[in-house]
Amino acid sequence: MKRIDVIATTISGSIADWKKVERIVPLFAEHGYSDVRLHEVDSHAAARAAACSVLREGGRIPVSAGGSGTFRAVLEGCVDSGVELAEIRLGFLRKGSADLIGKVLDMPDEIESAIRVFADSITADRHLPADILCASSPASNEVPRHFIGYGGAELFGRIPYYTENRYTKYYKGILSQFFGDLGPFMTGVALALMERLFKTPFCRKTRWKIMADGQLVEEDAFQAIMLVNGYLGPELPYSDQPLGSGEFYCYGLRNLGASKLPPQIKRARDGSIMNDAERWGLVPVTAKERLELIPDHAKPFPVNVDGGTFMAKEAVCFERVGQIPLISNQSPNRRNSSNV
């Protein structure tokens, strides 16, 4: 019987999500999986260490039970372990906010259904390949960060400040309970937007160079810069490509002035900006191996790495560094019918 290691953060997601953890092991047992080991942790650093440890001990099926931050931590633990990534089957049990990848993998939110799908998918070895991105900044003191999903800078880089510190874990649970998975994320967007509008009259515009695979493709002032690894569902409808397509995508939102920023963000949020990109200042860039964001100053700046903050300096580089199989409720050849 295959060994499964579930790494669960104790506080993530809605209030209802917090109650899921105690039911995971018994539900797997109902589907014939008796070697299921639950590792409860109270921080992303601990989740990363736990994932690394279980893989070095021989486990090959780590399941992240949390939100995007927990998933990123478990992914980094997989990278840290030194185990060949193709041997791993990484799972996303939805118990958090903005768990977009879990939705793309067609994983149910309701715990009984989710465990049934996991058991069936693990037995049938159903998985989808996903490219791993690495964010680095040689001029800063930050350790490179690995992630799958989304990232960004400027306004988008500021959002985790309001959604990922220790104290907001509690109000995130309440927001998720009443407003769904994107409740905390949209609260972070609103707070970051208000901060930007308040500071705009007192701050100079930063001009950015966007380099893709060694070529300068854009240079302008941007209100927000967003990066996506592929299709992340209708809530971030910016690419119709799978997560393992071999390329990734950057979207700059030109600085058209403070009065244009709220409608820009509104259209970016619902995806309608893609229908009139030039009018609303949306600049698309595609990279296959490497993308660099270079501001016209040497001050530290926050970068969003799948819901966490990475403090870069002088420049941030995103590179495609590998691929890992993700446990999925669909086959690799099945395209999501809701793709844009």
Protein backbone atom coordinates (compact mmCIF):
# COMPACT_ATOMS: atom_id res chain seq x y z
CA MET A 1 0.00 0.00 0.00
CA LYS A 2 1.32 3.44 -0.95
CA ARG A 3 2.37 5.81 1.82
CA ILE A 4 0.70 9.24 1.90
CA ASP A 5 2.03 12.17 3.93
CA VAL A 6 -0.48 14.97 4.58
CA ILE A 7 1.13 18.25 5.68
CA ALA A 8 -1.54 20.49 7.18
CA THR A 9 -1.27 24.03 8.46
CA THR A 10 -3.39 24.40 11.59
CA ILE A 11 -4.80 27.83 10.69
CA SER A 12 -5.59 28.40 7.02
CA GLY A 13 -8.78 28.97 5.09
CA SER A 14 -12.25 29.46 6.49
CA ILE A 15 -13.53 28.42 9.90
CA ALA A 16 -15.12 25.37 8.26
CA ASP A 17 -11.76 24.50 6.68
CA TRP A 18 -10.09 24.33 10.09
CA LYS A 19 -12.27 21.34 10.98
CA LYS A 20 -11.18 19.28 7.97
CA VAL A 21 -7.81 18.17 9.35
CA GLU A 22 -9.09 15.69 11.96
CA ARG A 23 -11.10 13.84 9.31
CA ILE A 24 -8.34 13.29 6.75
CA VAL A 25 -6.78 10.06 8.06
CA PRO A 26 -10.10 8.25 8.80
CA LEU A 27 -11.48 9.14 5.38
CA PHE A 28 -8.39 7.81 3.59
CA ALA A 29 -8.73 4.61 5.64
CA GLU A 30 -12.28 4.19 4.34
CA HIS A 31 -10.81 4.05 0.82
CA GLY A 32 -8.19 1.43 1.73
CA TYR A 33 -5.23 3.70 2.44
CA SER A 34 -3.97 2.71 5.89
CA ASP A 35 -0.47 4.25 5.73
CA VAL A 36 -1.50 7.91 5.89
CA ARG A 37 0.65 10.11 8.11
CA LEU A 38 -0.65 13.49 9.24
CA HIS A 39 1.91 16.23 9.96
CA GLU A 40 0.27 19.26 11.58
CA VAL A 41 2.38 22.43 11.46
CA ASP A 42 1.75 26.02 12.46
CA SER A 43 3.89 27.87 9.90
CA HIS A 44 4.94 27.70 6.28
CA ALA A 45 8.57 27.20 7.32
CA ALA A 46 7.52 24.14 9.32
CA ALA A 47 5.50 22.82 6.35
CA ARG A 48 8.55 23.15 4.12
CA ALA A 49 10.75 21.30 6.62
CA ALA A 50 8.14 18.55 7.07
CA ALA A 51 7.84 17.96 3.31
CA CYS A 52 11.61 17.75 2.93
CA SER A 53 11.83 15.30 5.84
CA VAL A 54 9.11 12.90 4.68
CA LEU A 55 10.58 12.69 1.18
CA ARG A 56 14.06 11.95 2.50
CA GLU A 57 12.48 9.23 4.67
CA GLY A 58 11.04 7.54 1.58
CA GLY A 59 7.65 9.15 1.12
CA ARG A 60 6.73 10.08 -2.45
CA ILE A 61 3.15 11.36 -2.08
CA PRO A 62 3.15 14.62 -0.08
CA VAL A 63 -0.28 16.26 0.14
CA SER A 64 -0.51 19.94 1.06
CA ALA A 65 -3.57 20.67 3.22
CA GLY A 66 -3.83 24.46 3.29
CA GLY A 67 -3.91 27.45 0.99
CA SER A 68 -1.49 28.68 -1.65
CA GLY A 69 1.16 29.55 0.95
CA THR A 70 1.15 26.03 2.39
CA PHE A 71 1.29 24.53 -1.10
CA ARG A 72 4.27 26.71 -1.99
CA ALA A 73 6.05 25.66 1.22
CA VAL A 74 5.46 21.96 0.56
CA LEU A 75 6.67 22.41 -3.03
CA GLU A 76 9.87 24.03 -1.75
CA GLY A 77 10.31 21.11 0.64
CA CYS A 78 10.11 18.79 -2.37
CA VAL A 79 12.86 20.78 -4.09
CA ASP A 80 14.98 20.87 -0.90
CA SER A 81 14.79 17.09 -0.50
CA GLY A 82 16.93 16.37 -3.55
CA VAL A 83 14.51 13.60 -4.60
CA GLU A 84 13.97 13.30 -8.36
CA LEU A 85 10.85 15.41 -8.94
CA ALA A 86 9.42 13.01 -11.52
CA GLU A 87 9.11 10.38 -8.75
CA ILE A 88 6.92 12.64 -6.60
CA ARG A 89 3.15 13.00 -6.77
CA LEU A 90 2.30 16.32 -5.10
CA GLY A 91 -1.27 16.83 -3.92
CA PHE A 92 -3.33 19.94 -3.11
CA LEU A 93 -6.06 19.33 -0.52
CA ARG A 94 -8.10 22.52 -0.53
CA LYS A 95 -8.08 24.03 2.95
CA GLY A 96 -7.21 27.66 2.42
CA SER A 97 -7.80 30.96 0.66
CA ALA A 98 -7.27 31.50 -3.08
CA ASP A 99 -6.55 27.78 -3.60
CA LEU A 100 -6.61 28.29 -7.36
CA ILE A 101 -4.34 25.38 -8.28
CA GLY A 102 -6.54 22.98 -6.33
CA LYS A 103 -9.48 24.09 -8.45
CA VAL A 104 -7.51 23.72 -11.69
CA LEU A 105 -6.68 20.16 -10.64
CA ASP A 106 -10.45 19.62 -10.27
CA MET A 107 -10.18 18.83 -6.57
CA PRO A 108 -13.46 19.20 -4.63
CA ASP A 109 -13.67 21.50 -1.63
CA GLU A 110 -15.94 19.20 0.38
CA ILE A 111 -13.68 16.89 2.40
CA GLU A 112 -15.42 13.53 1.77
CA SER A 113 -15.45 14.11 -1.99
CA ALA A 114 -11.87 15.40 -1.95
CA ILE A 115 -10.47 12.32 -0.20
CA ARG A 116 -12.42 10.01 -2.51
CA VAL A 117 -10.92 11.82 -5.52
CA PHE A 118 -7.44 11.66 -4.01
CA ALA A 119 -7.76 7.93 -3.36
CA ASP A 120 -9.00 7.23 -6.90
CA SER A 121 -6.40 9.49 -8.52
CA ILE A 122 -3.50 8.04 -6.53
CA THR A 123 -4.62 4.49 -7.35
CA ALA A 124 -4.90 5.33 -11.07
CA ASP A 125 -1.80 7.58 -10.97
CA ARG A 126 -3.69 10.50 -12.53
CA HIS A 127 -1.51 13.58 -12.53
CA LEU A 128 -0.75 16.73 -14.50
CA PRO A 129 2.76 18.13 -15.02
CA ALA A 130 3.43 21.65 -13.70
CA ASP A 131 6.43 23.87 -14.40
CA ILE A 132 8.24 25.16 -11.31
CA LEU A 133 9.27 28.81 -11.29
CA CYS A 134 12.11 30.21 -9.18
CA ALA A 135 12.24 33.86 -8.06
CA SER A 136 15.68 35.24 -7.23
CA SER A 137 17.35 38.59 -6.66
CA PRO A 138 21.17 38.45 -6.37
CA ALA A 139 21.40 41.97 -4.88
CA SER A 140 19.05 41.15 -1.98
CA ASN A 141 19.50 38.89 1.04
CA GLU A 142 16.48 36.75 0.15
CA VAL A 143 16.88 33.04 -0.52
CA PRO A 144 15.45 32.08 -3.95
CA ARG A 145 11.81 30.98 -3.80
CA HIS A 146 10.15 28.22 -5.82
CA PHE A 147 6.47 28.32 -6.70
CA ILE A 148 3.72 27.30 -9.13
CA GLY A 149 0.87 29.63 -9.93
CA TYR A 150 1.13 33.41 -9.83
CA GLY A 151 3.44 36.25 -8.83
CA GLY A 152 3.98 39.93 -9.47
CA ALA A 153 5.29 43.33 -8.44
CA GLU A 154 4.13 46.92 -7.79
CA LEU A 155 0.49 46.84 -6.56
CA PHE A 156 0.37 43.07 -6.96
CA GLY A 157 3.55 42.71 -4.91
CA ARG A 158 2.02 44.63 -2.02
CA ILE A 159 -1.07 42.43 -1.57
CA PRO A 160 0.62 39.75 0.62
CA TYR A 161 1.47 42.43 3.19
CA TYR A 162 -2.24 42.56 4.02
CA THR A 163 -3.03 38.86 3.62
CA GLU A 164 -0.06 36.84 4.87
CA ASN A 165 1.16 38.16 8.20
CA ARG A 166 0.58 36.06 11.28
CA TYR A 167 -2.31 38.08 12.72
CA THR A 168 -4.39 38.18 9.55
CA LYS A 169 -4.70 34.38 9.55
CA TYR A 170 -7.65 34.79 11.90
CA TYR A 171 -9.58 37.44 10.00
CA LYS A 172 -8.83 35.51 6.78
CA GLY A 173 -10.76 32.59 8.22
CA ILE A 174 -13.77 34.80 8.90
CA LEU A 175 -13.59 36.46 5.46
CA SER A 176 -13.32 33.09 3.73
CA GLN A 177 -16.30 31.77 5.66
CA PHE A 178 -18.55 34.59 4.42
CA PHE A 179 -17.06 35.60 1.05
CA GLY A 180 -15.41 32.43 -0.29
CA ASP A 181 -11.86 31.59 -1.26
CA LEU A 182 -11.02 34.99 -2.72
CA GLY A 183 -12.47 36.99 0.17
CA PRO A 184 -9.08 37.58 1.85
CA PHE A 185 -7.34 38.11 -1.49
CA MET A 186 -9.81 40.77 -2.60
CA THR A 187 -9.55 42.43 0.81
CA GLY A 188 -5.78 42.57 0.26
CA VAL A 189 -6.33 44.03 -3.20
CA ALA A 190 -8.66 46.72 -1.80
CA LEU A 191 -6.25 47.69 0.99
CA ALA A 192 -3.24 47.75 -1.34
CA LEU A 193 -5.23 49.85 -3.82
CA MET A 194 -6.24 52.37 -1.15
CA GLU A 195 -2.62 52.62 -0.02
CA ARG A 196 -1.49 53.20 -3.61
CA LEU A 197 -4.09 55.91 -4.23
CA PHE A 198 -3.17 57.67 -0.98
CA LYS A 199 0.56 57.64 -1.72
CA THR A 200 0.37 58.43 -5.44
CA PRO A 201 0.53 62.25 -5.08
CA PHE A 202 3.71 61.93 -2.99
CA CYS A 203 5.62 59.27 -4.93
CA ARG A 204 7.48 59.32 -8.23
CA LYS A 205 6.53 56.81 -10.87
CA THR A 206 8.84 53.83 -11.14
CA ARG A 207 9.81 52.85 -14.66
CA TRP A 208 10.34 49.16 -15.26
CA LYS A 209 12.25 47.16 -17.83
CA ILE A 210 10.73 43.78 -18.64
CA MET A 211 13.25 41.33 -20.09
CA ALA A 212 12.05 38.03 -21.56
CA ASP A 213 14.62 35.34 -22.40
CA GLY A 214 17.38 37.96 -22.52
CA GLN A 215 15.52 40.48 -24.69
CA LEU A 216 14.10 43.85 -23.62
CA VAL A 217 10.43 43.68 -24.56
CA GLU A 218 8.84 46.54 -22.55
CA GLU A 219 9.92 49.65 -20.66
CA ASP A 220 7.32 51.84 -18.96
CA ALA A 221 5.75 52.88 -15.65
CA PHE A 222 3.35 50.19 -14.40
CA GLN A 223 0.75 50.25 -11.65
CA ALA A 224 0.85 46.48 -11.35
CA ILE A 225 2.83 43.61 -12.85
CA MET A 226 1.35 40.11 -12.73
CA LEU A 227 2.93 36.78 -13.58
CA VAL A 228 1.01 33.53 -14.18
CA ASN A 229 2.30 30.03 -14.83
CA GLY A 230 -0.65 29.03 -16.98
CA TYR A 231 -4.40 28.57 -16.63
CA LEU A 232 -5.51 29.30 -13.04
CA GLY A 233 -9.25 29.18 -13.56
CA PRO A 234 -11.86 31.88 -14.21
CA GLU A 235 -10.75 33.89 -11.17
CA LEU A 236 -7.40 34.70 -12.85
CA PRO A 237 -8.30 34.26 -16.54
CA TYR A 238 -5.02 35.34 -18.14
CA SER A 239 -3.81 32.23 -19.95
CA ASP A 240 -5.44 29.22 -21.54
CA GLN A 241 -2.25 27.15 -21.40
CA PRO A 242 -1.67 24.26 -18.96
CA LEU A 243 0.67 24.68 -15.99
CA GLY A 244 3.25 22.49 -17.72
CA SER A 245 3.25 24.27 -21.08
CA GLY A 246 6.96 25.13 -21.02
CA GLU A 247 6.40 28.89 -20.87
CA PHE A 248 4.98 31.49 -18.51
CA TYR A 249 3.23 34.83 -18.87
CA CYS A 250 3.65 38.37 -17.57
CA TYR A 251 1.08 41.19 -17.73
CA GLY A 252 2.01 44.79 -17.03
CA LEU A 253 -0.69 47.32 -16.21
CA ARG A 254 0.55 50.68 -17.49
CA ASN A 255 0.39 53.68 -15.19
CA LEU A 256 -2.38 55.74 -16.81
CA GLY A 257 -2.86 57.94 -13.74
CA ALA A 258 -4.60 57.58 -10.38
CA SER A 259 -8.09 58.17 -11.80
CA LYS A 260 -7.75 55.20 -14.16
CA LEU A 261 -6.39 52.78 -11.56
CA PRO A 262 -9.70 51.67 -9.92
CA PRO A 263 -11.39 50.83 -13.26
CA GLN A 264 -8.19 49.16 -14.44
CA ILE A 265 -8.15 46.93 -11.36
CA LYS A 266 -11.87 46.18 -11.70
CA ARG A 267 -11.42 45.04 -15.29
CA ALA A 268 -8.28 43.11 -14.41
CA ARG A 269 -10.18 41.33 -11.64
CA ASP A 270 -13.04 40.12 -13.85
CA GLY A 271 -10.86 39.47 -16.91
CA SER A 272 -12.68 41.92 -19.17
CA ILE A 273 -9.46 43.89 -19.56
CA MET A 274 -8.32 41.20 -22.02
CA ASN A 275 -11.04 42.33 -24.44
CA ASP A 276 -9.68 45.90 -24.65
CA ALA A 277 -6.08 45.55 -23.51
CA GLU A 278 -4.65 48.56 -25.34
CA ARG A 279 -7.26 51.00 -23.98
CA TRP A 280 -6.68 49.90 -20.39
CA GLY A 281 -2.92 49.64 -20.64
CA LEU A 282 -2.47 45.87 -20.38
CA VAL A 283 0.86 44.68 -21.79
CA PRO A 284 1.28 40.90 -22.31
CA VAL A 285 4.74 39.26 -22.33
CA THR A 286 5.60 35.56 -22.79
CA ALA A 287 8.82 33.93 -21.57
CA LYS A 288 10.05 30.38 -22.08
CA GLU A 289 12.96 30.21 -19.64
CA ARG A 290 13.65 33.53 -17.91
CA LEU A 291 11.90 36.83 -17.17
CA GLU A 292 13.44 39.83 -15.38
CA LEU A 293 11.74 42.86 -13.84
CA ILE A 294 14.15 45.78 -13.40
CA PRO A 295 13.05 49.05 -11.72
CA ASP A 296 14.81 52.36 -12.29
CA HIS A 297 15.93 52.52 -8.64
CA ALA A 298 18.04 50.42 -6.28
CA LYS A 299 15.59 50.37 -3.35
CA PRO A 300 14.16 47.06 -2.07
CA PHE A 301 10.70 46.25 -3.46
CA PRO A 302 8.14 43.54 -2.63
CA VAL A 303 7.47 40.72 -5.05
CA ASN A 304 4.46 38.43 -4.79
CA VAL A 305 5.41 34.74 -5.07
CA ASP A 306 2.13 32.81 -5.06
CA GLY A 307 0.72 34.76 -2.11
CA GLY A 308 3.97 35.31 -0.18
CA THR A 309 6.32 38.28 -0.08
CA PHE A 310 9.83 38.14 -1.56
CA MET A 311 11.91 41.31 -1.01
CA ALA A 312 13.98 41.97 -4.12
CA LYS A 313 16.57 44.64 -4.82
CA GLU A 314 17.69 46.13 -8.15
CA ALA A 315 15.95 43.34 -10.09
CA VAL A 316 13.95 40.13 -9.71
CA CYS A 317 14.42 37.17 -12.00
CA PHE A 318 11.85 34.43 -12.62
CA GLU A 319 13.18 31.22 -14.16
CA ARG A 320 11.55 27.96 -15.19
CA VAL A 321 13.68 25.40 -13.34
CA GLY A 322 11.88 22.06 -13.46
CA GLN A 323 8.61 20.19 -13.54
CA ILE A 324 6.67 18.21 -10.94
CA PRO A 325 3.59 15.94 -11.30
CA LEU A 326 0.48 17.18 -9.46
CA ILE A 327 -2.22 14.73 -8.39
CA SER A 328 -5.28 15.55 -10.50
CA ASN A 329 -8.88 14.54 -11.02
CA GLN A 330 -8.35 14.73 -14.77
CA SER A 331 -6.02 13.16 -17.31
CA PRO A 332 -3.12 15.08 -18.93
CA ASN A 333 -4.90 15.07 -22.29
CA ARG A 334 -8.13 16.60 -21.04
CA ARG A 335 -8.38 20.36 -21.56
CA ASN A 336 -10.42 22.31 -19.04
CA SER A 337 -13.61 23.32 -20.81
CA SER A 338 -13.74 26.59 -18.85
CA ASN A 339 -10.39 27.84 -20.19
CA VAL A 340 -10.41 31.25 -21.77
